[in-house]
Protein backbone atom coordinates (compact mmCIF):
# COMPACT_ATOMS: atom_id res chain seq x y z
CA UNK A 1 0.00 0.00 0.00
CA UNK A 2 1.39 3.40 -0.99
CA UNK A 3 0.54 6.79 0.52
CA UNK A 4 0.17 9.33 -2.28
CA UNK A 5 -0.08 13.10 -2.30
CA UNK A 6 -0.64 15.56 -5.12
CA UNK A 7 -1.34 19.18 -4.27
CA UNK A 8 -0.48 22.84 -4.47
CA UNK A 9 -0.22 25.66 -1.94
CA UNK A 10 0.67 29.32 -1.44
CA UNK A 11 4.35 28.53 -2.04
CA UNK A 12 3.83 26.88 -5.43
CA UNK A 13 0.79 28.63 -6.88
CA UNK A 14 -0.71 32.16 -6.83
CA UNK A 15 -4.26 32.68 -5.63
CA UNK A 16 -5.66 32.84 -9.18
CA UNK A 17 -4.50 29.23 -9.66
CA UNK A 18 -5.42 28.00 -6.16
CA UNK A 19 -8.98 29.24 -6.52
CA UNK A 20 -9.46 26.98 -9.55
CA UNK A 21 -8.84 24.01 -7.25
CA UNK A 22 -10.83 25.05 -4.19
CA UNK A 23 -12.91 21.87 -3.85
CA UNK A 24 -15.89 22.36 -1.55
CA UNK A 25 -19.64 21.80 -1.19
CA UNK A 26 -21.24 19.61 -3.82
CA UNK A 27 -17.95 19.45 -5.72
CA UNK A 28 -16.35 17.77 -2.70
CA UNK A 29 -19.12 15.17 -2.56
CA UNK A 30 -18.68 14.49 -6.27
CA UNK A 31 -14.91 14.18 -5.84
CA UNK A 32 -15.26 11.60 -3.10
CA UNK A 33 -17.78 9.69 -5.18
CA UNK A 34 -15.28 9.63 -8.04
CA UNK A 35 -12.47 8.28 -5.86
CA UNK A 36 -14.70 5.70 -4.17
CA UNK A 37 -15.59 4.29 -7.57
CA UNK A 38 -12.04 4.34 -8.96
CA UNK A 39 -10.52 0.85 -8.91
CA UNK A 40 -6.95 2.17 -8.52
CA UNK A 41 -7.60 4.29 -5.41
CA UNK A 42 -8.08 2.47 -2.09
CA UNK A 43 -8.79 5.59 -0.02
CA UNK A 44 -8.80 9.37 -0.52
CA UNK A 45 -8.90 12.52 1.61
CA UNK A 46 -9.08 16.09 0.30
CA UNK A 47 -7.66 18.98 2.33
CA UNK A 48 -8.76 22.38 1.01
CA UNK A 49 -7.99 25.65 2.77
CA UNK A 50 -7.41 29.20 1.57
CA UNK A 51 -3.73 28.36 1.14
CA UNK A 52 -3.76 24.82 -0.24
CA UNK A 53 -5.56 22.02 -1.98
CA UNK A 54 -4.08 18.58 -1.34
CA UNK A 55 -5.35 15.12 -2.16
CA UNK A 56 -4.00 12.31 -0.01
CA UNK A 57 -4.71 8.80 -1.22
CA UNK A 58 -3.66 5.17 -0.89
CA UNK A 59 -3.11 2.80 -3.78
CA UNK A 60 -1.45 -0.55 -4.41
CA UNK A 61 0.06 0.71 -7.65
CA UNK A 62 1.93 3.93 -7.05
CA UNK A 63 2.34 5.26 -10.59
CA UNK A 64 -1.24 4.54 -11.55
CA UNK A 65 -2.51 6.12 -8.33
CA UNK A 66 -0.55 9.34 -8.85
CA UNK A 67 -1.81 9.51 -12.43
CA UNK A 68 -5.43 9.31 -11.22
CA UNK A 69 -4.87 12.20 -8.79
CA UNK A 70 -3.12 14.37 -11.36
CA UNK A 71 -5.80 13.80 -13.98
CA UNK A 72 -8.55 14.59 -11.49
CA UNK A 73 -6.97 17.93 -10.55
CA UNK A 74 -6.39 18.86 -14.18
CA UNK A 75 -10.00 18.06 -15.10
CA UNK A 76 -11.40 19.88 -12.08
CA UNK A 77 -9.34 23.01 -12.70
CA UNK A 78 -10.07 23.05 -16.43
CA UNK A 79 -6.35 23.43 -17.06
CA UNK A 80 -4.13 21.32 -19.26
CA UNK A 81 -1.90 19.12 -17.15
CA UNK A 82 1.31 20.31 -18.80
CA UNK A 83 0.41 23.81 -17.50
CA UNK A 84 -0.93 22.74 -14.10
CA UNK A 85 2.05 20.52 -13.29
CA UNK A 86 4.27 23.57 -12.82
CA UNK A 87 2.26 24.40 -9.68
CA UNK A 88 1.92 20.90 -8.21
CA UNK A 89 4.05 18.94 -5.77
CA UNK A 90 4.00 15.14 -5.70
CA UNK A 91 6.20 13.91 -2.84
CA UNK A 92 6.85 10.19 -2.57
CA UNK A 93 5.34 8.17 0.23
CA UNK A 94 7.45 9.06 3.26
CA UNK A 95 7.90 12.67 2.20
CA UNK A 96 4.11 12.90 1.81
CA UNK A 97 3.71 11.78 5.42
CA UNK A 98 6.32 14.28 6.61
CA UNK A 99 4.54 17.01 4.67
CA UNK A 100 1.19 16.23 6.34
CA UNK A 101 2.74 16.26 9.82
CA UNK A 102 4.29 19.66 9.10
CA UNK A 103 0.99 20.97 7.75
CA UNK A 104 -0.91 19.84 10.87
CA UNK A 105 1.74 21.48 13.04
CA UNK A 106 1.45 24.85 11.31
CA UNK A 107 4.97 24.68 9.86
CA UNK A 108 3.83 24.81 6.23
CA UNK A 109 1.38 27.69 6.64
CA UNK A 110 1.71 31.16 5.16
CA UNK A 111 1.92 32.40 8.75
CA UNK A 112 4.28 30.17 10.72
CA UNK A 113 2.54 28.44 13.59
CA UNK A 114 -0.96 29.37 12.43
CA UNK A 115 -3.44 27.77 14.82
CA UNK A 116 -6.45 27.23 12.57
CA UNK A 117 -4.87 24.59 10.36
CA UNK A 118 -5.13 21.71 12.83
CA UNK A 119 -8.87 22.27 13.03
CA UNK A 120 -9.05 22.32 9.24
CA UNK A 121 -7.11 19.03 9.04
CA UNK A 122 -9.48 17.45 11.56
CA UNK A 123 -12.53 18.79 9.72
CA UNK A 124 -11.23 17.41 6.40
CA UNK A 125 -10.61 14.02 8.02
CA UNK A 126 -14.13 13.86 9.50
CA UNK A 127 -15.66 14.90 6.17
CA UNK A 128 -13.78 12.13 4.37
CA UNK A 129 -14.93 9.63 7.01
CA UNK A 130 -18.54 10.76 6.53
CA UNK A 131 -18.11 10.28 2.78
CA UNK A 132 -16.75 6.75 3.37
CA UNK A 133 -13.76 7.65 1.21
CA UNK A 134 -10.88 6.66 3.50
CA UNK A 135 -9.28 3.34 4.36
CA UNK A 136 -7.46 2.05 7.43
CA UNK A 137 -4.09 3.46 6.41
CA UNK A 138 -5.42 6.99 5.81
CA UNK A 139 -7.42 6.87 9.04
CA UNK A 140 -4.31 5.93 11.01
CA UNK A 141 -2.21 8.53 9.17
CA UNK A 142 -4.57 11.43 9.86
CA UNK A 143 -5.20 10.42 13.46
CA UNK A 144 -1.42 10.48 13.90
CA UNK A 145 -1.12 13.85 12.12
CA UNK A 146 -3.74 15.42 14.39
CA UNK A 147 -1.96 13.99 17.43
CA UNK A 148 1.36 15.40 16.19
CA UNK A 149 -0.20 18.83 15.65
CA UNK A 150 -1.60 18.83 19.19
CA UNK A 151 1.70 17.65 20.66
CA UNK A 152 3.58 20.46 18.89
CA UNK A 153 1.20 23.05 20.32
CA UNK A 154 1.41 21.52 23.80
CA UNK A 155 5.19 21.12 23.97
CA UNK A 156 6.29 24.30 22.17
CA UNK A 157 5.29 27.96 22.28
CA UNK A 158 4.79 28.22 18.54
CA UNK A 159 1.27 29.55 19.04
CA UNK A 160 2.00 31.66 22.12
CA UNK A 161 1.17 34.65 19.92
CA UNK A 162 -1.88 33.21 18.17
CA UNK A 163 -1.73 34.14 14.52
CA UNK A 164 -3.93 33.50 11.55
CA UNK A 165 -4.84 34.85 8.14
CA UNK A 166 -7.47 36.96 9.91
CA UNK A 167 -4.83 38.49 12.17
CA UNK A 168 -2.62 39.27 9.20
CA UNK A 169 -5.52 40.92 7.37
CA UNK A 170 -6.14 43.29 10.27
CA UNK A 171 -2.40 43.98 10.60
CA UNK A 172 -2.30 44.86 6.91
CA UNK A 173 -5.20 47.28 7.35
CA UNK A 174 -3.46 48.91 10.30
CA UNK A 175 -0.22 49.14 8.36
CA UNK A 176 -1.98 50.85 5.45
CA UNK A 177 -4.24 53.20 7.42
CA UNK A 178 -2.45 53.67 10.72
CA UNK A 179 -4.87 53.70 13.65
CA UNK A 180 -8.16 51.88 13.00
CA UNK A 181 -9.99 53.92 15.59
CA UNK A 182 -13.06 55.65 14.15
CA UNK A 183 -12.68 53.76 10.87
CA UNK A 184 -15.81 52.41 9.23
CA UNK A 185 -15.25 48.69 8.67
CA UNK A 186 -17.42 46.24 6.76
CA UNK A 187 -16.92 42.49 7.08
CA UNK A 188 -18.44 40.40 4.29
CA UNK A 189 -19.17 36.85 5.40
CA UNK A 190 -20.22 35.45 8.78
CA UNK A 191 -18.19 32.27 9.10
CA UNK A 192 -15.46 31.34 11.58
CA UNK A 193 -12.74 33.32 9.80
CA UNK A 194 -14.96 36.40 9.56
CA UNK A 195 -15.69 36.20 13.30
CA UNK A 196 -11.99 35.88 14.07
CA UNK A 197 -11.24 38.85 11.82
CA UNK A 198 -13.87 40.95 13.58
CA UNK A 199 -12.42 40.02 16.98
CA UNK A 200 -8.99 41.25 15.89
CA UNK A 201 -10.56 44.42 14.49
CA UNK A 202 -12.18 45.21 17.85
CA UNK A 203 -8.87 44.56 19.65
CA UNK A 204 -7.24 47.01 17.24
CA UNK A 205 -9.53 49.88 18.19
CA UNK A 206 -12.50 49.47 15.84
CA UNK A 207 -15.62 50.51 17.73
CA UNK A 208 -18.21 48.85 15.55
CA UNK A 209 -18.46 46.84 12.35
CA UNK A 210 -20.99 46.38 9.58
CA UNK A 211 -21.63 42.71 8.79
CA UNK A 212 -23.07 41.52 5.50
CA UNK A 213 -23.82 37.93 4.60
CA UNK A 214 -26.09 36.05 2.21
CA UNK A 215 -27.86 34.65 5.28
CA UNK A 216 -29.15 37.78 6.99
CA UNK A 217 -29.89 35.83 10.17
CA UNK A 218 -26.22 34.79 10.50
CA UNK A 219 -25.16 38.37 9.86
CA UNK A 220 -27.49 39.50 12.66
CA UNK A 221 -26.10 36.94 15.10
CA UNK A 222 -22.52 37.94 14.37
CA UNK A 223 -23.27 41.67 14.49
CA UNK A 224 -24.91 41.31 17.93
CA UNK A 225 -21.81 39.52 19.24
CA UNK A 226 -19.61 42.48 18.34
CA UNK A 227 -21.90 45.43 18.96
CA UNK A 228 -22.17 45.81 15.20
CA UNK A 229 -24.82 46.33 12.58
CA UNK A 230 -26.06 43.79 10.04
CA UNK A 231 -27.04 44.70 6.49
CA UNK A 232 -28.67 42.57 3.87
CA UNK A 233 -26.53 41.36 1.01
CA UNK A 234 -28.39 43.45 -1.56
CA UNK A 235 -27.47 46.57 0.46
CA UNK A 236 -23.76 45.75 0.38
CA UNK A 237 -22.93 48.19 -2.42
CA UNK A 238 -24.66 51.09 -0.68
CA UNK A 239 -22.63 50.50 2.50
CA UNK A 240 -19.41 50.67 0.47
CA UNK A 241 -20.07 54.34 -0.19
CA UNK A 242 -19.20 55.03 3.45
CA UNK A 243 -16.71 52.26 4.38
CA UNK A 244 -13.00 52.81 4.94
CA UNK A 245 -12.13 49.12 5.08
CA UNK A 246 -13.78 46.04 3.58
CA UNK A 247 -12.58 42.59 4.61
CA UNK A 248 -14.26 39.77 2.72
CA UNK A 249 -14.25 36.04 3.40
CA UNK A 250 -17.22 34.06 2.14
CA UNK A 251 -17.52 30.49 0.94
CA UNK A 252 -18.78 31.56 -2.49
CA UNK A 253 -17.16 30.02 -5.56
CA UNK A 254 -17.40 33.29 -7.51
CA UNK A 255 -16.89 37.03 -6.99
CA UNK A 256 -19.45 38.54 -4.61
CA UNK A 257 -18.08 42.09 -4.97
CA UNK A 258 -17.78 42.83 -8.66
CA UNK A 259 -18.25 45.41 -11.37
CA UNK A 260 -21.97 44.86 -11.89
CA UNK A 261 -23.04 45.28 -8.27
CA UNK A 262 -20.42 47.58 -6.74
CA UNK A 263 -18.58 49.66 -9.35
CA UNK A 264 -21.10 52.51 -9.39
CA UNK A 265 -21.03 52.75 -5.59
CA UNK A 266 -17.23 52.83 -5.51
CA UNK A 267 -17.06 55.47 -8.25
CA UNK A 268 -19.52 57.62 -6.30
CA UNK A 269 -16.86 58.01 -3.56
CA UNK A 270 -15.01 60.38 -5.92
CA UNK A 271 -11.58 58.94 -5.22
CA UNK A 272 -11.90 58.70 -1.42
CA UNK A 273 -9.62 55.87 -0.30
CA UNK A 274 -11.08 52.46 0.52
CA UNK A 275 -8.95 49.44 1.43
CA UNK A 276 -10.44 46.09 0.38
CA UNK A 277 -8.79 42.94 1.74
CA UNK A 278 -9.89 39.66 0.19
CA UNK A 279 -8.98 36.61 2.30
CA UNK A 280 -11.22 34.16 0.49
CA UNK A 281 -10.20 31.40 -1.91
CA UNK A 282 -11.81 31.46 -4.44
CA UNK A 283 -11.56 35.24 -4.30
CA UNK A 284 -14.58 37.34 -3.33
CA UNK A 285 -13.50 40.65 -4.86
CA UNK A 286 -13.08 41.18 -8.58
CA UNK A 287 -9.50 42.48 -9.01
CA UNK A 288 -10.70 44.65 -11.92
CA UNK A 289 -12.26 47.01 -9.34
CA UNK A 290 -8.80 48.28 -8.45
CA UNK A 291 -9.07 50.36 -11.63
CA UNK A 292 -11.56 52.58 -9.81
CA UNK A 293 -9.83 55.65 -8.35
CA UNK A 294 -9.20 55.32 -4.62
CA UNK A 295 -9.84 51.56 -4.49
CA UNK A 296 -6.98 49.45 -3.16
CA UNK A 297 -7.46 45.68 -3.28
CA UNK A 298 -5.22 43.18 -1.51
CA UNK A 299 -5.71 39.44 -1.89
CA UNK A 300 -4.54 36.72 0.47
CA UNK A 301 -1.12 36.43 -1.15
CA UNK A 302 -0.33 40.04 -0.17
CA UNK A 303 -0.50 39.04 3.49
CA UNK A 304 2.96 37.51 3.23
CA UNK A 305 4.34 41.01 3.32
CA UNK A 306 2.83 41.76 6.73
CA UNK A 307 5.67 42.34 9.20
CA UNK A 308 5.26 40.27 12.33
CA UNK A 309 7.61 41.08 15.22
CA UNK A 310 7.18 37.64 16.83
CA UNK A 311 8.30 35.72 13.75
CA UNK A 312 11.82 35.03 15.01
CA UNK A 313 10.49 33.64 18.29
CA UNK A 314 8.09 31.36 16.44
CA UNK A 315 10.91 30.23 14.16
CA UNK A 316 12.89 29.07 17.21
CA UNK A 317 9.84 27.14 18.42
CA UNK A 318 9.44 25.69 14.93
CA UNK A 319 12.85 24.03 15.30
CA UNK A 320 11.57 22.28 18.43
CA UNK A 321 8.49 21.25 16.50
CA UNK A 322 10.62 19.70 13.77
CA UNK A 323 12.29 17.47 16.38
CA UNK A 324 8.90 16.30 17.64
CA UNK A 325 7.83 15.54 14.07
CA UNK A 326 11.05 13.58 13.47
CA UNK A 327 10.30 11.40 16.50
CA UNK A 328 6.71 10.76 15.52
CA UNK A 329 7.41 10.10 11.85
CA UNK A 330 10.05 7.51 12.73
CA UNK A 331 7.44 5.65 14.78
CA UNK A 332 4.81 5.88 12.07
CA UNK A 333 7.22 4.87 9.31
CA UNK A 334 8.18 1.70 11.17
CA UNK A 335 4.53 0.73 11.26
CA UNK A 336 3.91 1.68 7.64
CA UNK A 337 7.06 -0.13 6.53
CA UNK A 338 5.57 -3.38 7.76
CA UNK A 339 2.68 -2.88 5.34
CA UNK A 340 5.15 -2.57 2.47
CA UNK A 341 7.96 -4.90 3.40
CA UNK A 342 6.58 -7.77 5.50
CA UNK A 343 4.25 -9.08 2.76
CA UNK A 344 7.10 -8.80 0.21
CA UNK A 345 9.51 -10.68 2.49
CA UNK A 346 6.87 -13.34 3.11
CA UNK A 347 6.24 -13.69 -0.62
CA UNK A 348 9.99 -13.77 -1.34
CA UNK A 349 10.55 -16.58 1.16
CA UNK A 350 7.54 -18.38 -0.23
CA UNK A 351 8.96 -18.08 -3.72
CA UNK A 352 12.28 -19.50 -2.54
CA UNK A 353 10.52 -22.39 -0.79
CA UNK A 354 8.45 -23.20 -3.87
CA UNK A 355 11.52 -23.25 -6.15
CA UNK A 356 13.41 -25.40 -3.64
CA UNK A 357 10.60 -27.95 -3.34
CA UNK A 358 10.17 -28.17 -7.11
CA UNK A 359 13.89 -28.73 -7.72
CA UNK A 360 14.18 -31.27 -4.89
CA UNK A 361 11.28 -33.22 -6.33
CA UNK A 362 12.91 -33.20 -9.76
CA UNK A 363 16.31 -34.25 -8.34
CA UNK A 364 14.90 -37.10 -6.27
CA UNK A 365 12.99 -38.44 -9.27
CA UNK A 366 16.20 -38.49 -11.30
CA UNK A 367 18.28 -40.09 -8.55
CA UNK A 368 15.84 -42.92 -8.01
CA UNK A 369 16.29 -44.94 -4.83
CA UNK A 370 18.59 -43.23 -2.33
CA UNK A 371 19.13 -43.59 1.40
CA UNK A 372 17.41 -41.41 3.99
CA UNK A 373 20.79 -39.95 4.92
CA UNK A 374 21.45 -38.93 1.31
CA UNK A 375 17.97 -37.41 1.10
CA UNK A 376 18.64 -35.35 4.23
CA UNK A 377 22.03 -34.16 2.94
CA UNK A 378 20.53 -33.04 -0.38
CA UNK A 379 17.60 -31.35 1.37
CA UNK A 380 19.91 -29.56 3.81
CA UNK A 381 22.07 -28.39 0.91
CA UNK A 382 19.02 -27.01 -0.91
CA UNK A 383 17.83 -25.26 2.26
CA UNK A 384 21.24 -23.72 2.79
CA UNK A 385 21.51 -22.44 -0.80
CA UNK A 386 18.06 -20.84 -0.74
CA UNK A 387 18.55 -19.31 2.71
CA UNK A 388 21.93 -17.83 1.81
CA UNK A 389 20.66 -16.44 -1.48
CA UNK A 390 17.68 -14.77 0.22
CA UNK A 391 19.42 -13.68 3.40
CA UNK A 392 20.97 -10.47 2.05
CA UNK A 393 17.86 -9.29 0.13
CA UNK A 394 15.73 -9.84 3.26
CA UNK A 395 18.21 -8.02 5.50
CA UNK A 396 18.45 -5.09 3.05
CA UNK A 397 14.67 -4.89 2.74
CA UNK A 398 14.35 -4.65 6.52
CA UNK A 399 17.07 -2.00 6.66
CA UNK A 400 15.49 0.08 3.91
CA UNK A 401 12.00 -0.34 5.29
CA UNK A 402 12.25 2.74 7.54
CA UNK A 403 13.96 4.93 4.96
CA UNK A 404 12.16 7.25 2.58
CA UNK A 405 12.72 4.71 -0.21
CA UNK A 406 11.54 1.58 1.57
CA UNK A 407 8.38 1.34 -0.52
CA UNK A 408 10.45 1.59 -3.73
CA UNK A 409 12.74 -1.25 -2.67
CA UNK A 410 9.69 -3.37 -1.86
CA UNK A 411 8.20 -2.65 -5.28
CA UNK A 412 11.48 -3.40 -7.09
CA UNK A 413 11.84 -6.68 -5.23
CA UNK A 414 8.35 -7.70 -6.26
CA UNK A 415 9.19 -7.04 -9.91
CA UNK A 416 12.66 -8.63 -9.85
CA UNK A 417 11.40 -11.89 -8.40
CA UNK A 418 7.97 -11.80 -10.11
CA UNK A 419 6.32 -12.11 -6.71
CA UNK A 420 2.59 -12.58 -6.39
CA UNK A 421 1.04 -11.22 -3.21
CA UNK A 422 -2.48 -12.46 -2.60
CA UNK A 423 -4.69 -9.38 -2.30
CA UNK A 424 -7.07 -10.97 0.18
CA UNK A 425 -4.25 -12.04 2.47
CA UNK A 426 -2.66 -8.61 2.13
CA UNK A 427 -5.91 -6.87 3.07
CA UNK A 428 -6.30 -9.09 6.13
CA UNK A 429 -2.74 -8.27 7.19
CA UNK A 430 -3.26 -4.53 6.68
CA UNK A 431 -6.50 -4.53 8.66
CA UNK A 432 -4.87 -6.41 11.51
CA UNK A 433 -1.89 -4.05 11.61
CA UNK A 434 -4.15 -1.02 11.42
CA UNK A 435 -6.16 -2.28 14.40
CA UNK A 436 -2.94 -2.88 16.32
CA UNK A 437 -1.72 0.65 15.53
CA UNK A 438 -5.00 2.18 16.58
């Protein structure tokens, strides 16, 4: 069984590419249905956040499995694969596991140590479970990743200064406008990230906020929590005539602030400055609106430039986190290695035994009547030859099992010796080992 990963993130792809692969809602259900019905894929889990889309999967045939994942992403994005591949990463098995552990620990986030990611990993795992898309290996892997993320946050101070995309958005607004006191702020969206953004706004001196959301009831609830005011979505443009700052984060898969509904309102400001920060993926704000005088639009990728004075301290804590990850991945890899190597070693020994028995039978038939002592000598000789021939390959397989190429050595051994591993026996072994690990 191979652990596969194909994905892209804020390091490899700009927001205009990432938003093409933001898999959510009905699209997520359809994706899981596709993977459940694909004979190559044993299990799949999709992790989509504003900074990444990653598909983790298990397959018995590595190359075919990776091909399925790549083709799915290309089809979903509507891009040709030879263009999309420039933005993708496809780490091999053990590197894929290391990557996930670092993601869950906040070490691969745009903002080092970001606290929201572990919740997003857990949410993605539970969604995949609900969709019946995972298998025992993926379940064990993600349970371990969540544990690692929690351990990092317990044993280091990486999140002593809790940071997030929401925090960075407010810091950017403060950097651009100075004091936020007496500024008119509108928050578009009423989800968890919007609430977190509003909390940071209030801590930064904002007295009140205007909340707009497609569900007016949710906007009302959020506005009450922050001494704010809710407006209906169709009044959004009118409110922009008076706003100094707009921060938008909805779950829409298209622009919600665009030329048709907001351009006239923005032009009516006669060049008065308005800062619009878009922290949604896919983006909420049509970038073409920056052509309107006085409109300044910043998408999520611009948040990298936000200066954070605690970065160096978090970087020191990140080094401690890397040591924790190294410990945990060594433990997990030993377990996973057994899924790769033990069945191959068993099949290799079985192959040697079968060849030995066949050749002994042929030799005894040719020799005719021989003594029991002669039979034992010949049998012992055959045993010794087979054992010595297989000893080094078995030892090397065990040694390589815990390396980042253990799965490749197992696969090569299978091909070199034309080994057949019974799928039903393999599945029983994997289930037993997964139960033991759990």
